[in-house]
């Protein structure tokens, strides 16, 4: 069937593809965060913790953890004219070699922290600071409470950039995780606007 001569197709809008990493130490809630905000059933590469990890994986404070991410988590969020791809990093030190590959092409990151084990977050913060990757910090709530304020967490993490947002969240709650994502998107937009001037 031929189209009429006056047919003028509407332009197909370009879809912006945005890659975001969800990073942090072992057991801080990265898989939960990706699962909570993703509009699709997330791809998860979790395996049961075994005797092989004894003496290697530090379960202090997370003794009830039974599974862990061994490669990455993957989820997706569709916005008006953008698709956000979420890549959750593995948290154990023995898998950190993957982080540079996962970072390739990423616009920014959410660094999740567990304030009960804040020392497990230093490596993730250092990783993104050294690479100049914009990020926000999400202090994940465990046991239904937060024992530290954002300012205390900021000081403890010794963030190089004082404008990095530190937000309290519960990775199990969609609205809470969404707010952290929106904060990162605001930071990325502000950075793009500043670079365009």
N, C-alpha and C. Protein backbone atom coordinates (compact mmCIF):
# COMPACT_ATOMS: atom_id res chain seq x y z
N UNK A 1 0.84 -1.17 0.00
CA UNK A 1 0.00 0.00 0.00
C UNK A 1 0.89 1.24 0.00
N UNK A 2 0.63 2.15 -0.93
CA UNK A 2 1.43 3.36 -1.06
C UNK A 2 0.92 4.42 -0.09
N UNK A 3 1.85 5.17 0.45
CA UNK A 3 1.49 6.28 1.34
C UNK A 3 1.06 7.47 0.50
N UNK A 4 0.12 8.28 0.98
CA UNK A 4 -0.30 9.46 0.23
C UNK A 4 0.87 10.43 0.07
N UNK A 5 0.86 11.19 -1.01
CA UNK A 5 1.95 12.12 -1.30
C UNK A 5 2.12 13.15 -0.19
N UNK A 6 1.05 13.48 0.51
CA UNK A 6 1.13 14.49 1.57
C UNK A 6 1.59 13.91 2.90
N UNK A 7 1.90 12.62 2.94
CA UNK A 7 2.29 11.98 4.21
C UNK A 7 3.61 12.56 4.71
N UNK A 8 3.59 13.05 5.92
CA UNK A 8 4.79 13.60 6.55
C UNK A 8 4.92 12.94 7.91
N UNK A 9 5.74 11.91 8.01
CA UNK A 9 5.81 11.19 9.28
C UNK A 9 6.37 12.08 10.39
N UNK A 10 5.82 11.91 11.58
CA UNK A 10 6.36 12.64 12.73
C UNK A 10 7.75 12.08 13.03
N UNK A 11 8.67 12.95 13.40
CA UNK A 11 10.01 12.46 13.71
C UNK A 11 9.97 11.54 14.93
N UNK A 12 10.75 10.52 14.85
CA UNK A 12 10.84 9.59 15.97
C UNK A 12 11.85 10.18 16.96
N UNK A 13 11.39 10.45 18.17
CA UNK A 13 12.32 11.06 19.13
C UNK A 13 13.46 10.11 19.48
N UNK A 14 14.64 10.69 19.61
CA UNK A 14 15.79 9.89 20.02
C UNK A 14 15.64 9.54 21.49
N UNK A 15 15.96 8.32 21.82
CA UNK A 15 15.88 7.87 23.20
C UNK A 15 17.28 7.94 23.80
N UNK A 16 17.39 8.68 24.88
CA UNK A 16 18.66 8.78 25.60
C UNK A 16 18.84 7.52 26.45
N UNK A 17 19.97 6.87 26.31
CA UNK A 17 20.27 5.69 27.11
C UNK A 17 21.28 6.07 28.18
N UNK A 18 20.94 5.80 29.42
CA UNK A 18 21.75 6.22 30.55
C UNK A 18 22.11 5.00 31.38
N UNK A 19 23.40 4.82 31.58
CA UNK A 19 23.89 3.69 32.38
C UNK A 19 24.30 4.22 33.76
N UNK A 20 23.79 3.58 34.80
CA UNK A 20 24.07 3.96 36.18
C UNK A 20 24.55 2.72 36.95
N UNK A 21 25.58 2.89 37.75
CA UNK A 21 26.03 1.80 38.61
C UNK A 21 25.43 1.96 40.01
N UNK A 22 25.08 0.84 40.59
CA UNK A 22 24.66 0.78 41.99
C UNK A 22 25.78 0.00 42.68
N UNK A 23 26.56 0.70 43.50
CA UNK A 23 27.78 0.11 44.04
C UNK A 23 27.81 0.21 45.56
N UNK A 24 28.79 -0.44 46.13
CA UNK A 24 28.98 -0.40 47.58
C UNK A 24 29.60 -1.69 48.05
N UNK A 25 29.83 -1.75 49.32
CA UNK A 25 30.45 -2.92 49.91
C UNK A 25 29.55 -4.14 49.94
N UNK A 26 30.08 -5.20 50.46
CA UNK A 26 29.40 -6.49 50.57
C UNK A 26 28.21 -6.37 51.53
N UNK A 27 27.02 -6.71 51.03
CA UNK A 27 25.85 -6.79 51.89
C UNK A 27 25.19 -5.46 52.23
N UNK A 28 25.38 -4.42 51.39
CA UNK A 28 24.78 -3.11 51.70
C UNK A 28 23.40 -2.91 51.09
N UNK A 29 22.94 -3.84 50.24
CA UNK A 29 21.59 -3.75 49.68
C UNK A 29 21.51 -3.41 48.21
N UNK A 30 22.58 -3.64 47.47
CA UNK A 30 22.60 -3.29 46.04
C UNK A 30 21.57 -4.10 45.24
N UNK A 31 21.52 -5.40 45.45
CA UNK A 31 20.55 -6.24 44.74
C UNK A 31 19.13 -5.83 45.09
N UNK A 32 18.88 -5.55 46.35
CA UNK A 32 17.56 -5.12 46.79
C UNK A 32 17.19 -3.80 46.12
N UNK A 33 18.12 -2.85 46.08
CA UNK A 33 17.88 -1.54 45.47
C UNK A 33 17.50 -1.70 43.99
N UNK A 34 18.29 -2.45 43.23
CA UNK A 34 18.00 -2.65 41.80
C UNK A 34 16.64 -3.32 41.64
N UNK A 35 16.35 -4.32 42.44
CA UNK A 35 15.06 -5.01 42.35
C UNK A 35 13.90 -4.09 42.67
N UNK A 36 14.10 -3.18 43.60
CA UNK A 36 13.04 -2.27 44.03
C UNK A 36 12.68 -1.24 42.97
N UNK A 37 13.67 -0.66 42.31
CA UNK A 37 13.39 0.42 41.36
C UNK A 37 13.21 -0.04 39.92
N UNK A 38 13.65 -1.23 39.60
CA UNK A 38 13.56 -1.70 38.21
C UNK A 38 12.12 -1.96 37.80
N UNK A 39 11.79 -1.54 36.58
CA UNK A 39 10.44 -1.80 36.06
C UNK A 39 10.33 -3.19 35.44
N UNK A 40 11.45 -3.82 35.22
CA UNK A 40 11.46 -5.19 34.70
C UNK A 40 11.95 -6.12 35.81
N UNK A 41 11.67 -7.37 35.63
CA UNK A 41 12.23 -8.34 36.56
C UNK A 41 13.75 -8.31 36.39
N UNK A 42 14.49 -7.96 37.43
CA UNK A 42 15.93 -7.78 37.25
C UNK A 42 16.67 -9.09 37.00
N UNK A 43 17.75 -8.94 36.25
CA UNK A 43 18.68 -10.05 36.08
C UNK A 43 19.56 -10.06 37.32
N UNK A 44 19.64 -11.20 37.97
CA UNK A 44 20.44 -11.30 39.18
C UNK A 44 21.40 -12.47 39.03
N UNK A 45 22.62 -12.28 39.48
CA UNK A 45 23.61 -13.35 39.43
C UNK A 45 24.01 -13.73 40.85
N UNK A 46 23.01 -14.08 41.64
CA UNK A 46 23.28 -14.44 43.03
C UNK A 46 23.58 -15.92 43.16
N UNK A 47 24.49 -16.21 44.04
CA UNK A 47 24.82 -17.59 44.39
C UNK A 47 24.81 -17.71 45.91
N UNK A 48 24.56 -18.91 46.36
CA UNK A 48 24.56 -19.15 47.81
C UNK A 48 25.98 -19.02 48.35
N UNK A 49 26.08 -18.44 49.54
CA UNK A 49 27.36 -18.39 50.22
C UNK A 49 27.73 -19.80 50.64
N UNK A 50 28.98 -20.15 50.43
CA UNK A 50 29.44 -21.51 50.75
C UNK A 50 30.65 -21.45 51.67
N UNK A 51 31.14 -22.58 52.01
CA UNK A 51 32.32 -22.69 52.87
C UNK A 51 33.54 -22.04 52.21
N UNK A 52 33.53 -21.92 50.87
CA UNK A 52 34.66 -21.31 50.17
C UNK A 52 34.88 -19.85 50.59
N UNK A 53 33.81 -19.19 51.02
CA UNK A 53 33.92 -17.79 51.41
C UNK A 53 34.32 -17.57 52.86
N UNK A 54 34.38 -18.64 53.64
CA UNK A 54 34.76 -18.52 55.05
C UNK A 54 36.19 -18.00 55.13
N UNK A 55 36.36 -16.94 55.90
CA UNK A 55 37.69 -16.34 56.03
C UNK A 55 38.02 -15.38 54.90
N UNK A 56 37.17 -15.34 53.86
CA UNK A 56 37.37 -14.43 52.74
C UNK A 56 36.33 -13.32 52.78
N UNK A 57 35.06 -13.69 52.88
CA UNK A 57 33.97 -12.72 52.96
C UNK A 57 33.69 -12.38 54.42
N UNK A 58 33.70 -11.09 54.74
CA UNK A 58 33.47 -10.63 56.10
C UNK A 58 31.97 -10.54 56.36
N UNK A 59 31.44 -11.49 57.12
CA UNK A 59 30.01 -11.52 57.44
C UNK A 59 29.70 -10.85 58.77
N UNK A 60 30.68 -10.18 59.35
CA UNK A 60 30.45 -9.49 60.62
C UNK A 60 29.37 -8.43 60.45
N UNK A 61 28.28 -8.57 61.19
CA UNK A 61 27.16 -7.64 61.10
C UNK A 61 26.09 -8.07 60.12
N UNK A 62 26.39 -9.06 59.26
CA UNK A 62 25.40 -9.56 58.30
C UNK A 62 25.41 -11.09 58.32
N UNK A 63 25.45 -11.64 59.51
CA UNK A 63 25.58 -13.09 59.68
C UNK A 63 24.46 -13.88 59.05
N UNK A 64 23.29 -13.28 58.84
CA UNK A 64 22.16 -13.99 58.25
C UNK A 64 22.16 -13.98 56.73
N UNK A 65 23.14 -13.34 56.11
CA UNK A 65 23.20 -13.29 54.65
C UNK A 65 23.50 -14.69 54.10
N UNK A 66 22.71 -15.13 53.13
CA UNK A 66 22.86 -16.49 52.61
C UNK A 66 23.26 -16.53 51.14
N UNK A 67 23.13 -15.40 50.42
CA UNK A 67 23.47 -15.36 48.99
C UNK A 67 24.19 -14.07 48.69
N UNK A 68 24.91 -14.06 47.57
CA UNK A 68 25.65 -12.87 47.18
C UNK A 68 25.74 -12.75 45.67
N UNK A 69 25.89 -11.53 45.19
CA UNK A 69 26.04 -11.28 43.75
C UNK A 69 27.46 -11.64 43.34
N UNK A 70 27.59 -12.42 42.28
CA UNK A 70 28.91 -12.85 41.82
C UNK A 70 29.32 -12.21 40.50
N UNK A 71 28.43 -11.51 39.85
CA UNK A 71 28.79 -10.81 38.61
C UNK A 71 28.18 -9.42 38.63
N UNK A 72 26.85 -9.34 38.50
CA UNK A 72 26.17 -8.05 38.53
C UNK A 72 24.67 -8.28 38.64
N UNK A 73 23.98 -7.21 38.96
CA UNK A 73 22.53 -7.17 38.86
C UNK A 73 22.21 -6.22 37.72
N UNK A 74 21.08 -6.42 37.05
CA UNK A 74 20.72 -5.53 35.95
C UNK A 74 19.23 -5.23 36.01
N UNK A 75 18.90 -3.95 35.89
CA UNK A 75 17.51 -3.53 35.87
C UNK A 75 17.34 -2.37 34.91
N UNK A 76 16.09 -1.93 34.74
CA UNK A 76 15.81 -0.85 33.78
C UNK A 76 14.69 0.03 34.30
N UNK A 77 14.81 1.33 34.02
CA UNK A 77 13.76 2.30 34.32
C UNK A 77 13.54 3.11 33.04
N UNK A 78 12.29 3.23 32.60
CA UNK A 78 11.98 4.05 31.43
C UNK A 78 11.39 5.38 31.89
N UNK A 79 11.99 6.46 31.43
CA UNK A 79 11.48 7.79 31.69
C UNK A 79 10.85 8.29 30.39
N UNK A 80 10.42 9.55 30.33
CA UNK A 80 9.75 10.07 29.13
C UNK A 80 10.54 9.81 27.86
N UNK A 81 11.77 10.27 27.81
CA UNK A 81 12.57 10.12 26.59
C UNK A 81 13.92 9.47 26.89
N UNK A 82 13.98 8.76 27.98
CA UNK A 82 15.23 8.13 28.38
C UNK A 82 14.98 6.73 28.93
N UNK A 83 15.98 5.91 28.78
CA UNK A 83 15.97 4.59 29.40
C UNK A 83 17.21 4.54 30.30
N UNK A 84 16.98 4.25 31.58
CA UNK A 84 18.07 4.16 32.53
C UNK A 84 18.35 2.68 32.78
N UNK A 85 19.59 2.29 32.53
CA UNK A 85 20.02 0.92 32.77
C UNK A 85 20.79 0.89 34.08
N UNK A 86 20.39 0.02 34.98
CA UNK A 86 21.00 -0.09 36.29
C UNK A 86 21.89 -1.32 36.35
N UNK A 87 23.12 -1.13 36.75
CA UNK A 87 24.06 -2.23 36.90
C UNK A 87 24.53 -2.26 38.34
N UNK A 88 24.12 -3.28 39.08
CA UNK A 88 24.56 -3.46 40.46
C UNK A 88 25.87 -4.21 40.49
N UNK A 89 26.86 -3.66 41.18
CA UNK A 89 28.19 -4.27 41.23
C UNK A 89 28.25 -5.34 42.31
N UNK A 90 29.14 -6.30 42.16
CA UNK A 90 29.38 -7.23 43.27
C UNK A 90 30.13 -6.51 44.38
N UNK A 91 29.88 -6.87 45.62
CA UNK A 91 30.47 -6.14 46.73
C UNK A 91 31.74 -6.71 47.32
N UNK A 92 31.98 -8.00 47.16
CA UNK A 92 33.16 -8.59 47.77
C UNK A 92 34.42 -8.12 47.06
N UNK A 93 35.47 -7.94 47.85
CA UNK A 93 36.74 -7.44 47.31
C UNK A 93 37.26 -8.32 46.18
N UNK A 94 37.06 -9.61 46.26
CA UNK A 94 37.59 -10.51 45.22
C UNK A 94 36.94 -10.30 43.86
N UNK A 95 35.80 -9.56 43.81
CA UNK A 95 35.13 -9.28 42.54
C UNK A 95 35.30 -7.83 42.07
N UNK A 96 36.08 -7.03 42.80
CA UNK A 96 36.24 -5.62 42.43
C UNK A 96 36.90 -5.42 41.08
N UNK A 97 37.63 -6.44 40.60
CA UNK A 97 38.28 -6.29 39.30
C UNK A 97 37.26 -6.02 38.19
N UNK A 98 35.99 -6.35 38.40
CA UNK A 98 34.93 -6.13 37.41
C UNK A 98 34.45 -4.68 37.35
N UNK A 99 34.72 -3.91 38.39
CA UNK A 99 34.13 -2.59 38.50
C UNK A 99 34.53 -1.67 37.35
N UNK A 100 35.78 -1.71 36.93
CA UNK A 100 36.20 -0.85 35.82
C UNK A 100 35.44 -1.19 34.55
N UNK A 101 35.23 -2.48 34.29
CA UNK A 101 34.46 -2.87 33.11
C UNK A 101 33.01 -2.43 33.22
N UNK A 102 32.42 -2.58 34.41
CA UNK A 102 31.03 -2.16 34.59
C UNK A 102 30.90 -0.64 34.48
N UNK A 103 31.92 0.09 34.88
CA UNK A 103 31.88 1.56 34.83
C UNK A 103 31.92 2.10 33.41
N UNK A 104 32.49 1.35 32.48
CA UNK A 104 32.64 1.84 31.11
C UNK A 104 31.28 2.27 30.55
N UNK A 105 31.19 3.56 30.17
CA UNK A 105 29.96 4.09 29.59
C UNK A 105 28.94 4.58 30.60
N UNK A 106 29.25 4.48 31.89
CA UNK A 106 28.29 4.89 32.92
C UNK A 106 28.32 6.41 33.09
N UNK A 107 27.15 6.97 33.34
CA UNK A 107 27.02 8.41 33.59
C UNK A 107 27.31 8.74 35.04
N UNK A 108 26.99 7.83 35.96
CA UNK A 108 27.15 8.10 37.38
C UNK A 108 26.86 6.86 38.20
N UNK A 109 26.80 7.07 39.52
CA UNK A 109 26.63 5.93 40.42
C UNK A 109 25.87 6.32 41.68
N UNK A 110 25.23 5.32 42.25
CA UNK A 110 24.69 5.40 43.60
C UNK A 110 25.60 4.52 44.45
N UNK A 111 26.20 5.10 45.49
CA UNK A 111 27.02 4.32 46.41
C UNK A 111 26.18 4.06 47.65
N UNK A 112 25.83 2.80 47.86
CA UNK A 112 25.06 2.43 49.04
C UNK A 112 26.00 2.14 50.19
N UNK A 113 25.60 2.59 51.39
CA UNK A 113 26.39 2.32 52.58
C UNK A 113 25.49 1.75 53.67
N UNK A 114 26.10 0.95 54.50
CA UNK A 114 25.46 0.41 55.69
C UNK A 114 26.17 1.07 56.87
N UNK A 115 25.48 1.93 57.59
CA UNK A 115 26.14 2.70 58.64
C UNK A 115 26.61 1.84 59.80
N UNK A 116 26.14 0.60 59.86
CA UNK A 116 26.64 -0.32 60.90
C UNK A 116 28.05 -0.81 60.55
N UNK A 117 28.39 -0.73 59.25
CA UNK A 117 29.68 -1.22 58.75
C UNK A 117 30.22 -0.21 57.74
N UNK A 118 30.36 1.03 58.15
CA UNK A 118 30.73 2.10 57.24
C UNK A 118 32.08 1.88 56.57
N UNK A 119 32.99 1.19 57.25
CA UNK A 119 34.31 0.94 56.68
C UNK A 119 34.24 0.11 55.40
N UNK A 120 33.15 -0.60 55.18
CA UNK A 120 32.99 -1.40 53.96
C UNK A 120 32.65 -0.51 52.76
N UNK A 121 32.45 0.77 52.98
CA UNK A 121 32.05 1.68 51.90
C UNK A 121 33.20 2.55 51.41
N UNK A 122 34.30 2.58 52.13
CA UNK A 122 35.40 3.47 51.76
C UNK A 122 35.93 3.16 50.36
N UNK A 123 36.07 1.90 50.02
CA UNK A 123 36.64 1.53 48.71
C UNK A 123 35.74 2.00 47.57
N UNK A 124 34.42 1.90 47.74
CA UNK A 124 33.50 2.34 46.68
C UNK A 124 33.57 3.85 46.49
N UNK A 125 33.59 4.58 47.59
CA UNK A 125 33.70 6.04 47.49
C UNK A 125 35.02 6.41 46.81
N UNK A 126 36.12 5.81 47.23
CA UNK A 126 37.43 6.09 46.62
C UNK A 126 37.43 5.77 45.12
N UNK A 127 36.80 4.66 44.76
CA UNK A 127 36.75 4.23 43.36
C UNK A 127 36.16 5.33 42.48
N UNK A 128 35.01 5.86 42.85
CA UNK A 128 34.34 6.86 42.02
C UNK A 128 35.01 8.23 42.12
N UNK A 129 35.53 8.57 43.28
CA UNK A 129 36.24 9.85 43.41
C UNK A 129 37.48 9.86 42.52
N UNK A 130 38.25 8.79 42.52
CA UNK A 130 39.48 8.74 41.72
C UNK A 130 39.20 8.80 40.22
N UNK A 131 38.04 8.34 39.80
CA UNK A 131 37.70 8.33 38.38
C UNK A 131 36.87 9.54 37.96
N UNK A 132 36.55 10.40 38.91
CA UNK A 132 35.78 11.59 38.59
C UNK A 132 34.34 11.31 38.20
N UNK A 133 33.82 10.18 38.64
CA UNK A 133 32.45 9.79 38.31
C UNK A 133 31.48 10.43 39.29
N UNK A 134 30.46 11.15 38.80
CA UNK A 134 29.49 11.72 39.73
C UNK A 134 28.71 10.62 40.45
N UNK A 135 28.48 10.84 41.74
CA UNK A 135 27.74 9.85 42.52
C UNK A 135 26.99 10.52 43.66
N UNK A 136 26.04 9.78 44.19
CA UNK A 136 25.36 10.16 45.43
C UNK A 136 25.54 9.01 46.40
N UNK A 137 25.42 9.30 47.67
CA UNK A 137 25.53 8.28 48.70
C UNK A 137 24.14 8.01 49.26
N UNK A 138 23.77 6.74 49.30
CA UNK A 138 22.51 6.32 49.91
C UNK A 138 22.80 5.50 51.15
N UNK A 139 22.44 6.02 52.31
CA UNK A 139 22.64 5.29 53.57
C UNK A 139 21.44 4.39 53.79
N UNK A 140 21.62 3.11 53.54
CA UNK A 140 20.53 2.14 53.61
C UNK A 140 20.16 1.85 55.06
N UNK A 141 18.87 1.86 55.32
CA UNK A 141 18.35 1.64 56.66
C UNK A 141 18.20 0.15 56.91
N UNK A 142 18.83 -0.32 57.95
CA UNK A 142 18.68 -1.71 58.37
C UNK A 142 18.05 -1.72 59.76
N UNK A 143 17.32 -2.75 60.06
CA UNK A 143 16.64 -2.89 61.35
C UNK A 143 15.65 -1.77 61.59
N UNK A 144 15.16 -1.13 60.53
CA UNK A 144 14.13 -0.11 60.65
C UNK A 144 14.56 1.21 61.25
N UNK A 145 15.86 1.45 61.35
CA UNK A 145 16.29 2.72 61.93
C UNK A 145 17.64 3.14 61.37
N UNK A 146 17.90 4.44 61.44
CA UNK A 146 19.21 4.99 61.10
C UNK A 146 19.79 5.60 62.36
N UNK A 147 20.99 5.22 62.67
CA UNK A 147 21.61 5.71 63.90
C UNK A 147 22.50 6.93 63.68
N UNK A 148 22.70 7.32 62.42
CA UNK A 148 23.58 8.45 62.12
C UNK A 148 22.88 9.43 61.18
N UNK A 149 23.20 10.69 61.31
CA UNK A 149 22.65 11.72 60.42
C UNK A 149 23.48 11.77 59.14
N UNK A 150 22.93 12.38 58.07
CA UNK A 150 23.71 12.53 56.84
C UNK A 150 25.04 13.26 57.06
N UNK A 151 25.06 14.28 57.92
CA UNK A 151 26.32 15.01 58.17
C UNK A 151 27.37 14.13 58.83
N UNK A 152 26.93 13.30 59.76
CA UNK A 152 27.87 12.38 60.42
C UNK A 152 28.42 11.38 59.41
N UNK A 153 27.55 10.87 58.55
CA UNK A 153 27.98 9.91 57.52
C UNK A 153 28.94 10.58 56.55
N UNK A 154 28.63 11.80 56.13
CA UNK A 154 29.51 12.54 55.21
C UNK A 154 30.90 12.69 55.82
N UNK A 155 30.95 13.09 57.09
CA UNK A 155 32.25 13.26 57.76
C UNK A 155 33.00 11.94 57.87
N UNK A 156 32.28 10.87 58.21
CA UNK A 156 32.91 9.55 58.37
C UNK A 156 33.47 9.05 57.04
N UNK A 157 32.76 9.33 55.94
CA UNK A 157 33.23 8.89 54.62
C UNK A 157 34.33 9.79 54.08
N UNK A 158 34.50 10.97 54.69
CA UNK A 158 35.53 11.93 54.26
C UNK A 158 35.42 12.21 52.76
N UNK A 159 34.19 12.57 52.34
CA UNK A 159 33.93 12.83 50.92
C UNK A 159 34.77 14.01 50.43
N UNK A 160 35.45 13.83 49.30
CA UNK A 160 36.29 14.88 48.74
C UNK A 160 35.45 16.07 48.27
N UNK A 161 34.27 15.81 47.76
CA UNK A 161 33.39 16.86 47.25
C UNK A 161 32.26 17.09 48.26
N UNK A 162 32.23 18.27 48.90
CA UNK A 162 31.21 18.51 49.91
C UNK A 162 29.79 18.62 49.36
N UNK A 163 29.65 18.67 48.03
CA UNK A 163 28.30 18.78 47.45
C UNK A 163 27.69 17.41 47.13
N UNK A 164 28.43 16.32 47.36
CA UNK A 164 27.87 14.98 47.12
C UNK A 164 26.70 14.77 48.07
N UNK A 165 25.50 14.53 47.53
CA UNK A 165 24.35 14.29 48.42
C UNK A 165 24.51 13.00 49.22
N UNK A 166 24.15 13.06 50.49
CA UNK A 166 24.08 11.88 51.35
C UNK A 166 22.62 11.76 51.77
N UNK A 167 21.98 10.71 51.30
CA UNK A 167 20.54 10.55 51.52
C UNK A 167 20.25 9.30 52.33
N UNK A 168 19.28 9.39 53.20
CA UNK A 168 18.84 8.24 53.97
C UNK A 168 17.80 7.49 53.13
N UNK A 169 17.86 6.18 53.13
CA UNK A 169 16.88 5.42 52.37
C UNK A 169 16.65 4.04 52.96
N UNK A 170 15.59 3.43 52.52
CA UNK A 170 15.33 2.03 52.77
C UNK A 170 15.23 1.39 51.39
N UNK A 171 16.22 0.60 51.02
CA UNK A 171 16.30 0.04 49.67
C UNK A 171 15.12 -0.87 49.34
N UNK A 172 14.35 -1.26 50.33
CA UNK A 172 13.18 -2.11 50.09
C UNK A 172 11.96 -1.31 49.67
N UNK A 173 12.00 0.01 49.86
CA UNK A 173 10.85 0.87 49.56
C UNK A 173 11.07 1.62 48.26
N UNK A 174 10.17 1.43 47.33
CA UNK A 174 10.31 2.01 45.99
C UNK A 174 10.46 3.53 46.02
N UNK A 175 9.63 4.22 46.78
CA UNK A 175 9.69 5.68 46.82
C UNK A 175 11.03 6.15 47.36
N UNK A 176 11.54 5.46 48.35
CA UNK A 176 12.81 5.82 48.96
C UNK A 176 13.96 5.64 47.96
N UNK A 177 14.00 4.49 47.29
CA UNK A 177 15.04 4.22 46.30
C UNK A 177 14.90 5.17 45.10
N UNK A 178 13.66 5.45 44.70
CA UNK A 178 13.41 6.37 43.60
C UNK A 178 13.97 7.76 43.90
N UNK A 179 13.79 8.23 45.14
CA UNK A 179 14.28 9.55 45.52
C UNK A 179 15.81 9.63 45.40
N UNK A 180 16.49 8.55 45.73
CA UNK A 180 17.95 8.52 45.58
C UNK A 180 18.32 8.60 44.09
N UNK A 181 17.59 7.86 43.26
CA UNK A 181 17.84 7.91 41.81
C UNK A 181 17.59 9.32 41.27
N UNK A 182 16.52 9.96 41.72
CA UNK A 182 16.22 11.32 41.26
C UNK A 182 17.30 12.30 41.68
N UNK A 183 17.85 12.12 42.86
CA UNK A 183 18.94 12.98 43.32
C UNK A 183 20.16 12.82 42.41
N UNK A 184 20.46 11.59 42.03
CA UNK A 184 21.58 11.37 41.11
C UNK A 184 21.28 12.01 39.75
N UNK A 185 20.07 11.84 39.25
CA UNK A 185 19.72 12.43 37.95
C UNK A 185 19.84 13.95 38.00
N UNK A 186 19.41 14.57 39.10
CA UNK A 186 19.56 16.02 39.26
C UNK A 186 21.04 16.41 39.20
N UNK A 187 21.87 15.62 39.85
CA UNK A 187 23.31 15.90 39.86
C UNK A 187 23.90 15.77 38.46
N UNK A 188 23.47 14.76 37.71
CA UNK A 188 23.97 14.58 36.34
C UNK A 188 23.52 15.71 35.43
N UNK A 189 22.28 16.15 35.58
CA UNK A 189 21.75 17.25 34.76
C UNK A 189 22.52 18.53 35.08
N UNK A 190 22.74 18.81 36.35
CA UNK A 190 23.48 20.01 36.75
C UNK A 190 24.90 19.97 36.20
N UNK A 191 25.52 18.83 36.21
CA UNK A 191 26.88 18.69 35.68
C UNK A 191 26.89 18.92 34.17
N UNK A 192 25.90 18.35 33.46
CA UNK A 192 25.81 18.56 32.00
C UNK A 192 25.57 20.03 31.67
N UNK A 193 24.69 20.69 32.44
CA UNK A 193 24.41 22.10 32.21
C UNK A 193 25.66 22.95 32.43
N UNK A 194 26.43 22.64 33.48
CA UNK A 194 27.66 23.38 33.77
C UNK A 194 28.69 23.19 32.67
N UNK A 195 28.76 21.98 32.12
CA UNK A 195 29.73 21.68 31.06
C UNK A 195 29.34 22.37 29.76
N UNK A 196 28.04 22.63 29.56
CA UNK A 196 27.57 23.25 28.32
C UNK A 196 27.81 24.75 28.29
N UNK A 197 28.10 25.35 29.44
CA UNK A 197 28.29 26.82 29.50
C UNK A 197 29.65 27.20 29.00
